[in-house]
Amino acid sequence: MAVGADGANMVRWVLKGELVPVALGVVLGVGGALATSRFLAGLLYGLAPDDLPTYGAVVATMIAVVGVACYVPARRAARVPAAEVLRTE
């Protein structure tokens, strides 16, 4: 992170750094869930093994939670002046 970067750049940098691994995890997780749901179809009550609204809701919830969990600390860190950070280091 560059000293003197404005808050918007800092937040974008943190969100990009955290959401890329989450996107990869979502893709792998949904693929794995679709592959294993065929074997677990007997345990599902009231759901089809490939119920797209359920998968969509889970993915949207996961991305929203991760987005908020990354955005709040990034915004807080962006408000700290660079001189103060350098003084404490």
N, C-alpha and C. Protein backbone atom coordinates (compact mmCIF):
# COMPACT_ATOMS: atom_id res chain seq x y z
N MET A 1 0.85 -1.16 0.00
CA MET A 1 0.00 0.00 0.00
C MET A 1 0.90 1.23 0.00
N ALA A 2 0.59 2.15 -0.86
CA ALA A 2 1.41 3.34 -1.00
C ALA A 2 1.03 4.38 0.05
N VAL A 3 2.04 5.03 0.59
CA VAL A 3 1.78 6.12 1.52
C VAL A 3 1.21 7.28 0.73
N GLY A 4 0.12 7.82 1.22
CA GLY A 4 -0.50 8.95 0.55
C GLY A 4 -1.61 8.55 -0.40
N ALA A 5 -1.93 7.29 -0.48
CA ALA A 5 -3.05 6.87 -1.33
C ALA A 5 -4.34 7.39 -0.72
N ASP A 6 -5.27 7.81 -1.58
CA ASP A 6 -6.52 8.32 -1.04
C ASP A 6 -7.39 7.16 -0.56
N GLY A 7 -8.42 7.49 0.21
CA GLY A 7 -9.25 6.48 0.85
C GLY A 7 -9.95 5.56 -0.13
N ALA A 8 -10.43 6.12 -1.25
CA ALA A 8 -11.15 5.30 -2.23
C ALA A 8 -10.22 4.25 -2.84
N ASN A 9 -8.99 4.63 -3.15
CA ASN A 9 -8.04 3.66 -3.71
C ASN A 9 -7.72 2.57 -2.70
N MET A 10 -7.59 2.96 -1.46
CA MET A 10 -7.27 2.00 -0.41
C MET A 10 -8.40 0.99 -0.23
N VAL A 11 -9.64 1.47 -0.21
CA VAL A 11 -10.79 0.58 -0.06
C VAL A 11 -10.88 -0.35 -1.26
N ARG A 12 -10.70 0.19 -2.47
CA ARG A 12 -10.73 -0.64 -3.68
C ARG A 12 -9.66 -1.71 -3.64
N TRP A 13 -8.47 -1.36 -3.19
CA TRP A 13 -7.35 -2.30 -3.12
C TRP A 13 -7.68 -3.44 -2.16
N VAL A 14 -8.23 -3.11 -1.00
CA VAL A 14 -8.56 -4.15 -0.01
C VAL A 14 -9.69 -5.03 -0.52
N LEU A 15 -10.74 -4.43 -1.08
CA LEU A 15 -11.86 -5.22 -1.57
C LEU A 15 -11.44 -6.14 -2.70
N LYS A 16 -10.63 -5.62 -3.61
CA LYS A 16 -10.16 -6.45 -4.72
C LYS A 16 -9.31 -7.61 -4.21
N GLY A 17 -8.46 -7.33 -3.25
CA GLY A 17 -7.60 -8.37 -2.70
C GLY A 17 -8.36 -9.45 -1.95
N GLU A 18 -9.51 -9.12 -1.41
CA GLU A 18 -10.28 -10.10 -0.65
C GLU A 18 -11.37 -10.76 -1.48
N LEU A 19 -11.95 -10.06 -2.41
CA LEU A 19 -13.06 -10.63 -3.17
C LEU A 19 -12.61 -11.59 -4.27
N VAL A 20 -11.39 -11.46 -4.74
CA VAL A 20 -10.89 -12.39 -5.77
C VAL A 20 -10.79 -13.81 -5.20
N PRO A 21 -10.19 -14.02 -4.03
CA PRO A 21 -10.18 -15.39 -3.48
C PRO A 21 -11.58 -15.89 -3.13
N VAL A 22 -12.46 -14.99 -2.71
CA VAL A 22 -13.83 -15.39 -2.40
C VAL A 22 -14.53 -15.85 -3.67
N ALA A 23 -14.35 -15.15 -4.77
CA ALA A 23 -14.97 -15.56 -6.03
C ALA A 23 -14.47 -16.94 -6.45
N LEU A 24 -13.18 -17.17 -6.31
CA LEU A 24 -12.63 -18.49 -6.62
C LEU A 24 -13.23 -19.56 -5.71
N GLY A 25 -13.36 -19.25 -4.44
CA GLY A 25 -13.96 -20.19 -3.50
C GLY A 25 -15.42 -20.47 -3.80
N VAL A 26 -16.14 -19.42 -4.22
CA VAL A 26 -17.55 -19.61 -4.58
C VAL A 26 -17.68 -20.52 -5.79
N VAL A 27 -16.84 -20.29 -6.80
CA VAL A 27 -16.89 -21.12 -8.00
C VAL A 27 -16.58 -22.57 -7.66
N LEU A 28 -15.52 -22.80 -6.89
CA LEU A 28 -15.17 -24.17 -6.50
C LEU A 28 -16.23 -24.79 -5.60
N GLY A 29 -16.77 -23.99 -4.69
CA GLY A 29 -17.78 -24.49 -3.76
C GLY A 29 -19.07 -24.86 -4.46
N VAL A 30 -19.52 -24.02 -5.37
CA VAL A 30 -20.75 -24.33 -6.10
C VAL A 30 -20.53 -25.56 -6.99
N GLY A 31 -19.38 -25.64 -7.61
CA GLY A 31 -19.08 -26.84 -8.41
C GLY A 31 -19.08 -28.09 -7.57
N GLY A 32 -18.44 -28.02 -6.42
CA GLY A 32 -18.42 -29.17 -5.52
C GLY A 32 -19.80 -29.50 -4.98
N ALA A 33 -20.59 -28.47 -4.67
CA ALA A 33 -21.94 -28.71 -4.17
C ALA A 33 -22.83 -29.34 -5.23
N LEU A 34 -22.70 -28.88 -6.47
CA LEU A 34 -23.48 -29.49 -7.54
C LEU A 34 -23.08 -30.94 -7.78
N ALA A 35 -21.79 -31.21 -7.66
CA ALA A 35 -21.30 -32.58 -7.87
C ALA A 35 -21.75 -33.52 -6.76
N THR A 36 -21.73 -33.06 -5.52
CA THR A 36 -22.09 -33.95 -4.41
C THR A 36 -23.58 -33.97 -4.12
N SER A 37 -24.32 -32.99 -4.61
CA SER A 37 -25.76 -32.97 -4.31
C SER A 37 -26.50 -34.14 -4.95
N ARG A 38 -25.96 -34.67 -6.01
CA ARG A 38 -26.58 -35.84 -6.65
C ARG A 38 -26.54 -37.05 -5.69
N PHE A 39 -25.46 -37.16 -4.95
CA PHE A 39 -25.33 -38.28 -4.01
C PHE A 39 -26.19 -38.07 -2.77
N LEU A 40 -26.43 -36.81 -2.42
CA LEU A 40 -27.19 -36.49 -1.21
C LEU A 40 -28.64 -36.16 -1.50
N ALA A 41 -29.11 -36.42 -2.71
CA ALA A 41 -30.47 -36.06 -3.10
C ALA A 41 -31.51 -36.69 -2.18
N GLY A 42 -31.26 -37.84 -1.66
CA GLY A 42 -32.20 -38.50 -0.76
C GLY A 42 -32.35 -37.80 0.57
N LEU A 43 -31.36 -37.02 0.97
CA LEU A 43 -31.41 -36.32 2.24
C LEU A 43 -32.06 -34.94 2.13
N LEU A 44 -32.24 -34.47 0.92
CA LEU A 44 -32.82 -33.14 0.72
C LEU A 44 -34.34 -33.25 0.78
N TYR A 45 -34.95 -32.44 1.59
CA TYR A 45 -36.40 -32.46 1.72
C TYR A 45 -36.97 -31.17 1.13
N GLY A 46 -37.73 -31.28 0.07
CA GLY A 46 -38.37 -30.12 -0.53
C GLY A 46 -37.48 -29.33 -1.46
N LEU A 47 -36.31 -29.85 -1.77
CA LEU A 47 -35.38 -29.17 -2.67
C LEU A 47 -34.90 -30.14 -3.73
N ALA A 48 -34.72 -29.60 -4.91
CA ALA A 48 -34.09 -30.39 -5.97
C ALA A 48 -32.57 -30.29 -5.80
N PRO A 49 -31.83 -31.29 -6.23
CA PRO A 49 -30.37 -31.23 -6.08
C PRO A 49 -29.73 -30.04 -6.80
N ASP A 50 -30.39 -29.53 -7.82
CA ASP A 50 -29.82 -28.39 -8.56
C ASP A 50 -30.75 -27.18 -8.51
N ASP A 51 -31.26 -26.87 -7.33
CA ASP A 51 -32.18 -25.76 -7.14
C ASP A 51 -31.44 -24.43 -7.27
N LEU A 52 -31.58 -23.80 -8.42
CA LEU A 52 -30.82 -22.57 -8.72
C LEU A 52 -31.15 -21.40 -7.80
N PRO A 53 -32.40 -21.17 -7.40
CA PRO A 53 -32.64 -20.07 -6.46
C PRO A 53 -31.91 -20.25 -5.12
N THR A 54 -31.82 -21.48 -4.66
CA THR A 54 -31.09 -21.73 -3.41
C THR A 54 -29.61 -21.45 -3.57
N TYR A 55 -29.03 -21.95 -4.65
CA TYR A 55 -27.61 -21.67 -4.91
C TYR A 55 -27.37 -20.17 -5.07
N GLY A 56 -28.26 -19.50 -5.78
CA GLY A 56 -28.12 -18.05 -5.97
C GLY A 56 -28.20 -17.29 -4.66
N ALA A 57 -29.13 -17.69 -3.79
CA ALA A 57 -29.27 -17.02 -2.49
C ALA A 57 -28.03 -17.24 -1.62
N VAL A 58 -27.49 -18.44 -1.66
CA VAL A 58 -26.30 -18.74 -0.86
C VAL A 58 -25.10 -17.94 -1.37
N VAL A 59 -24.92 -17.89 -2.68
CA VAL A 59 -23.80 -17.14 -3.26
C VAL A 59 -23.95 -15.66 -2.98
N ALA A 60 -25.15 -15.11 -3.14
CA ALA A 60 -25.37 -13.68 -2.89
C ALA A 60 -25.13 -13.34 -1.42
N THR A 61 -25.59 -14.20 -0.53
CA THR A 61 -25.37 -13.97 0.90
C THR A 61 -23.89 -14.03 1.25
N MET A 62 -23.19 -15.00 0.70
CA MET A 62 -21.76 -15.14 0.97
C MET A 62 -20.98 -13.90 0.49
N ILE A 63 -21.27 -13.46 -0.72
CA ILE A 63 -20.56 -12.30 -1.26
C ILE A 63 -20.91 -11.03 -0.48
N ALA A 64 -22.16 -10.89 -0.06
CA ALA A 64 -22.56 -9.72 0.72
C ALA A 64 -21.86 -9.69 2.08
N VAL A 65 -21.81 -10.83 2.74
CA VAL A 65 -21.16 -10.90 4.06
C VAL A 65 -19.67 -10.59 3.94
N VAL A 66 -19.02 -11.19 2.96
CA VAL A 66 -17.58 -10.94 2.77
C VAL A 66 -17.35 -9.48 2.37
N GLY A 67 -18.21 -8.94 1.54
CA GLY A 67 -18.07 -7.54 1.14
C GLY A 67 -18.15 -6.58 2.32
N VAL A 68 -19.13 -6.80 3.19
CA VAL A 68 -19.25 -5.95 4.38
C VAL A 68 -18.08 -6.18 5.33
N ALA A 69 -17.68 -7.45 5.49
CA ALA A 69 -16.57 -7.76 6.39
C ALA A 69 -15.26 -7.16 5.91
N CYS A 70 -15.10 -6.92 4.62
CA CYS A 70 -13.90 -6.29 4.09
C CYS A 70 -14.03 -4.78 4.04
N TYR A 71 -15.23 -4.30 3.71
CA TYR A 71 -15.43 -2.87 3.51
C TYR A 71 -15.30 -2.07 4.80
N VAL A 72 -15.87 -2.57 5.88
CA VAL A 72 -15.86 -1.82 7.14
C VAL A 72 -14.44 -1.59 7.65
N PRO A 73 -13.58 -2.61 7.77
CA PRO A 73 -12.21 -2.33 8.22
C PRO A 73 -11.41 -1.49 7.22
N ALA A 74 -11.67 -1.68 5.93
CA ALA A 74 -10.95 -0.89 4.92
C ALA A 74 -11.31 0.58 5.04
N ARG A 75 -12.58 0.89 5.26
CA ARG A 75 -13.00 2.28 5.43
C ARG A 75 -12.36 2.88 6.68
N ARG A 76 -12.32 2.08 7.74
CA ARG A 76 -11.72 2.56 8.99
C ARG A 76 -10.23 2.82 8.80
N ALA A 77 -9.55 1.93 8.09
CA ALA A 77 -8.12 2.11 7.85
C ALA A 77 -7.86 3.29 6.92
N ALA A 78 -8.77 3.56 6.00
CA ALA A 78 -8.59 4.68 5.07
C ALA A 78 -8.70 6.02 5.76
N ARG A 79 -9.34 6.07 6.90
CA ARG A 79 -9.51 7.33 7.62
C ARG A 79 -8.28 7.71 8.46
N VAL A 80 -7.39 6.76 8.68
CA VAL A 80 -6.21 7.04 9.50
C VAL A 80 -5.18 7.80 8.66
N PRO A 81 -4.69 8.93 9.14
CA PRO A 81 -3.68 9.68 8.38
C PRO A 81 -2.38 8.89 8.26
N ALA A 82 -1.72 9.02 7.12
CA ALA A 82 -0.49 8.28 6.86
C ALA A 82 0.61 8.66 7.86
N ALA A 83 0.69 9.91 8.24
CA ALA A 83 1.72 10.34 9.19
C ALA A 83 1.55 9.65 10.54
N GLU A 84 0.35 9.43 10.94
CA GLU A 84 0.09 8.76 12.21
C GLU A 84 0.52 7.30 12.14
N VAL A 85 0.27 6.65 11.02
CA VAL A 85 0.68 5.26 10.84
C VAL A 85 2.20 5.15 10.86
N LEU A 86 2.87 6.05 10.16
CA LEU A 86 4.34 6.02 10.13
C LEU A 86 4.95 6.31 11.50
N ARG A 87 4.30 7.15 12.27
CA ARG A 87 4.80 7.47 13.61
C ARG A 87 4.75 6.24 14.52
N THR A 88 3.71 5.43 14.39
CA THR A 88 3.59 4.27 15.27
C THR A 88 4.45 3.12 14.85
N GLU A 89 4.90 3.10 13.60
CA GLU A 89 5.76 2.02 13.12
C GLU A 89 7.12 2.27 13.63
